[in-house]
C-alpha atoms as a PDB file:
ATOM      1  CA  UNK A   1      47.583  -4.632  22.853  1.00  0.00           C
ATOM      2  CA  UNK A   2      43.730  -4.052  23.150  1.00  0.00           C
ATOM      3  CA  UNK A   3      42.800  -3.345  26.791  1.00  0.00           C
ATOM      4  CA  UNK A   4      39.322  -3.047  28.274  1.00  0.00           C
ATOM      5  CA  UNK A   5      38.854  -1.125  31.691  1.00  0.00           C
ATOM      6  CA  UNK A   6      36.039  -2.785  33.431  1.00  0.00           C
ATOM      7  CA  UNK A   7      33.071  -0.537  34.470  1.00  0.00           C
ATOM      8  CA  UNK A   8      34.492  -0.405  38.034  1.00  0.00           C
ATOM      9  CA  UNK A   9      37.915   1.165  36.926  1.00  0.00           C
ATOM     10  CA  UNK A  10      37.973   4.961  36.507  1.00  0.00           C
ATOM     11  CA  UNK A  11      37.904   5.924  32.854  1.00  0.00           C
ATOM     12  CA  UNK A  12      40.663   8.352  33.156  1.00  0.00           C
ATOM     13  CA  UNK A  13      42.992   5.468  33.820  1.00  0.00           C
ATOM     14  CA  UNK A  14      43.117   4.805  30.122  1.00  0.00           C
ATOM     15  CA  UNK A  15      45.200   7.984  29.566  1.00  0.00           C
ATOM     16  CA  UNK A  16      48.019   6.236  31.368  1.00  0.00           C
ATOM     17  CA  UNK A  17      47.899   3.493  28.913  1.00  0.00           C
ATOM     18  CA  UNK A  18      48.810   5.571  25.906  1.00  0.00           C
ATOM     19  CA  UNK A  19      51.025   2.985  24.248  1.00  0.00           C
ATOM     20  CA  UNK A  20      48.124   0.637  23.990  1.00  0.00           C
ATOM     21  CA  UNK A  21      44.592   0.726  22.630  1.00  0.00           C
ATOM     22  CA  UNK A  22      42.350   1.090  25.698  1.00  0.00           C
ATOM     23  CA  UNK A  23      38.701   1.452  26.050  1.00  0.00           C
ATOM     24  CA  UNK A  24      36.182   1.511  28.892  1.00  0.00           C
ATOM     25  CA  UNK A  25      33.299  -0.870  29.253  1.00  0.00           C
ATOM     26  CA  UNK A  26      31.035   2.197  29.073  1.00  0.00           C
ATOM     27  CA  UNK A  27      32.580   3.327  25.799  1.00  0.00           C
ATOM     28  CA  UNK A  28      31.991  -0.199  24.273  1.00  0.00           C
ATOM     29  CA  UNK A  29      28.389  -0.261  25.637  1.00  0.00           C
ATOM     30  CA  UNK A  30      29.349  -3.211  27.802  1.00  0.00           C
ATOM     31  CA  UNK A  31      29.137  -1.547  31.247  1.00  0.00           C
ATOM     32  CA  UNK A  32      25.718  -3.029  32.189  1.00  0.00           C
ATOM     33  CA  UNK A  33      26.481  -6.628  31.391  1.00  0.00           C
ATOM     34  CA  UNK A  34      27.034  -9.227  34.223  1.00  0.00           C
ATOM     35  CA  UNK A  35      30.452 -10.719  34.568  1.00  0.00           C
ATOM     36  CA  UNK A  36      29.721 -13.908  32.614  1.00  0.00           C
ATOM     37  CA  UNK A  37      28.122 -12.312  29.501  1.00  0.00           C
ATOM     38  CA  UNK A  38      30.742  -9.585  29.579  1.00  0.00           C
ATOM     39  CA  UNK A  39      33.528 -12.134  29.482  1.00  0.00           C
ATOM     40  CA  UNK A  40      31.810 -13.913  26.505  1.00  0.00           C
ATOM     41  CA  UNK A  41      31.455 -10.678  24.592  1.00  0.00           C
ATOM     42  CA  UNK A  42      34.956  -9.478  25.030  1.00  0.00           C
ATOM     43  CA  UNK A  43      36.609 -12.771  23.948  1.00  0.00           C
ATOM     44  CA  UNK A  44      38.292 -12.251  20.569  1.00  0.00           C
ATOM     45  CA  UNK A  45      37.724  -8.322  20.907  1.00  0.00           C
ATOM     46  CA  UNK A  46      40.367  -7.545  23.597  1.00  0.00           C
ATOM     47  CA  UNK A  47      43.688  -8.924  24.925  1.00  0.00           C
ATOM     48  CA  UNK A  48      43.439  -7.862  28.586  1.00  0.00           C
ATOM     49  CA  UNK A  49      40.615  -7.001  30.929  1.00  0.00           C
ATOM     50  CA  UNK A  50      41.747  -4.623  33.667  1.00  0.00           C
ATOM     51  CA  UNK A  51      39.478  -4.702  36.657  1.00  0.00           C
ATOM     52  CA  UNK A  52      39.466  -3.975  40.407  1.00  0.00           C
ATOM     53  CA  UNK A  53      36.905  -6.698  41.166  1.00  0.00           C
ATOM     54  CA  UNK A  54      38.919  -9.051  43.522  1.00  0.00           C
ATOM     55  CA  UNK A  55      36.254 -11.856  43.384  1.00  0.00           C
ATOM     56  CA  UNK A  56      36.028 -12.263  39.519  1.00  0.00           C
ATOM     57  CA  UNK A  57      38.822 -14.947  39.506  1.00  0.00           C
ATOM     58  CA  UNK A  58      36.751 -16.983  42.086  1.00  0.00           C
ATOM     59  CA  UNK A  59      33.337 -16.605  40.383  1.00  0.00           C
ATOM     60  CA  UNK A  60      34.331 -17.089  36.803  1.00  0.00           C
ATOM     61  CA  UNK A  61      36.748 -19.559  34.916  1.00  0.00           C
ATOM     62  CA  UNK A  62      39.278 -17.197  33.581  1.00  0.00           C
ATOM     63  CA  UNK A  63      42.075 -19.571  32.509  1.00  0.00           C
ATOM     64  CA  UNK A  64      40.125 -20.872  29.558  1.00  0.00           C
ATOM     65  CA  UNK A  65      39.487 -17.297  28.221  1.00  0.00           C
ATOM     66  CA  UNK A  66      41.410 -16.020  25.195  1.00  0.00           C
ATOM     67  CA  UNK A  67      42.449 -12.898  27.046  1.00  0.00           C
ATOM     68  CA  UNK A  68      44.222 -12.037  30.188  1.00  0.00           C
ATOM     69  CA  UNK A  69      42.956 -10.299  33.324  1.00  0.00           C
ATOM     70  CA  UNK A  70      44.806  -8.072  35.491  1.00  0.00           C
ATOM     71  CA  UNK A  71      43.278  -7.142  38.888  1.00  0.00           C
ATOM     72  CA  UNK A  72      44.364  -3.889  40.425  1.00  0.00           C
ATOM     73  CA  UNK A  73      44.264  -3.879  44.316  1.00  0.00           C
ATOM     74  CA  UNK A  74      44.392  -0.583  45.998  1.00  0.00           C
ATOM     75  CA  UNK A  75      42.690   1.078  48.927  1.00  0.00           C
ATOM     76  CA  UNK A  76      40.052   2.244  46.638  1.00  0.00           C
ATOM     77  CA  UNK A  77      39.106   2.262  42.875  1.00  0.00           C
ATOM     78  CA  UNK A  78      39.664   6.065  42.744  1.00  0.00           C
ATOM     79  CA  UNK A  79      42.206   7.241  40.169  1.00  0.00           C
ATOM     80  CA  UNK A  80      44.510   8.597  42.800  1.00  0.00           C
ATOM     81  CA  UNK A  81      44.700   5.280  44.511  1.00  0.00           C
ATOM     82  CA  UNK A  82      45.237   3.431  41.326  1.00  0.00           C
ATOM     83  CA  UNK A  83      47.743   5.596  39.598  1.00  0.00           C
ATOM     84  CA  UNK A  84      50.697   4.347  41.632  1.00  0.00           C
ATOM     85  CA  UNK A  85      50.011   0.817  40.237  1.00  0.00           C
ATOM     86  CA  UNK A  86      50.442   2.042  36.642  1.00  0.00           C
ATOM     87  CA  UNK A  87      54.164   1.064  36.238  1.00  0.00           C
ATOM     88  CA  UNK A  88      53.434  -2.383  37.497  1.00  0.00           C
ATOM     89  CA  UNK A  89      50.410  -2.611  35.218  1.00  0.00           C
ATOM     90  CA  UNK A  90      52.543  -1.519  32.175  1.00  0.00           C
ATOM     91  CA  UNK A  91      55.107  -4.009  33.080  1.00  0.00           C
ATOM     92  CA  UNK A  92      52.452  -6.723  33.338  1.00  0.00           C
ATOM     93  CA  UNK A  93      50.837  -5.756  29.962  1.00  0.00           C
ATOM     94  CA  UNK A  94      54.301  -6.407  28.376  1.00  0.00           C
ATOM     95  CA  UNK A  95      54.191 -10.199  29.091  1.00  0.00           C
ATOM     96  CA  UNK A  96      50.795 -11.276  30.384  1.00  0.00           C
ATOM     97  CA  UNK A  97      49.393 -14.434  28.474  1.00  0.00           C
ATOM     98  CA  UNK A  98      45.951 -15.311  27.524  1.00  0.00           C
ATOM     99  CA  UNK A  99      44.109 -17.228  30.286  1.00  0.00           C
ATOM    100  CA  UNK A 100      46.509 -15.661  32.961  1.00  0.00           C
ATOM    101  CA  UNK A 101      45.194 -13.828  36.008  1.00  0.00           C
ATOM    102  CA  UNK A 102      47.600 -11.270  37.632  1.00  0.00           C
ATOM    103  CA  UNK A 103      47.032  -9.262  40.684  1.00  0.00           C
ATOM    104  CA  UNK A 104      48.856  -5.966  41.023  1.00  0.00           C
ATOM    105  CA  UNK A 105      48.936  -4.569  44.583  1.00  0.00           C
ATOM    106  CA  UNK A 106      50.439  -1.469  46.190  1.00  0.00           C
ATOM    107  CA  UNK A 107      53.530  -3.386  47.268  1.00  0.00           C
ATOM    108  CA  UNK A 108      54.390  -4.471  43.765  1.00  0.00           C
END
């Protein structure tokens, strides 16, 4: 699975996703793109966008996109706060479908 970590996600989270191909927006040169153009550019390039941007699903039409979006919800976007969500993230990556938006919270 090809995963893109949004610019607001710590780059070291990719090391928790070793069974997948994961890149950061910065590595791909997409970290300065606004949300709409970013979503257009990644279509066909990635399978899942992982973000902490809680408002993305309300600002963009994601259900028509050829990739899934997983929103991580923790106390902060620091690696230490996101790391406990990794098991649920890996489980979601196993069955998430294009156009689907899932939120993973600390209680999942």
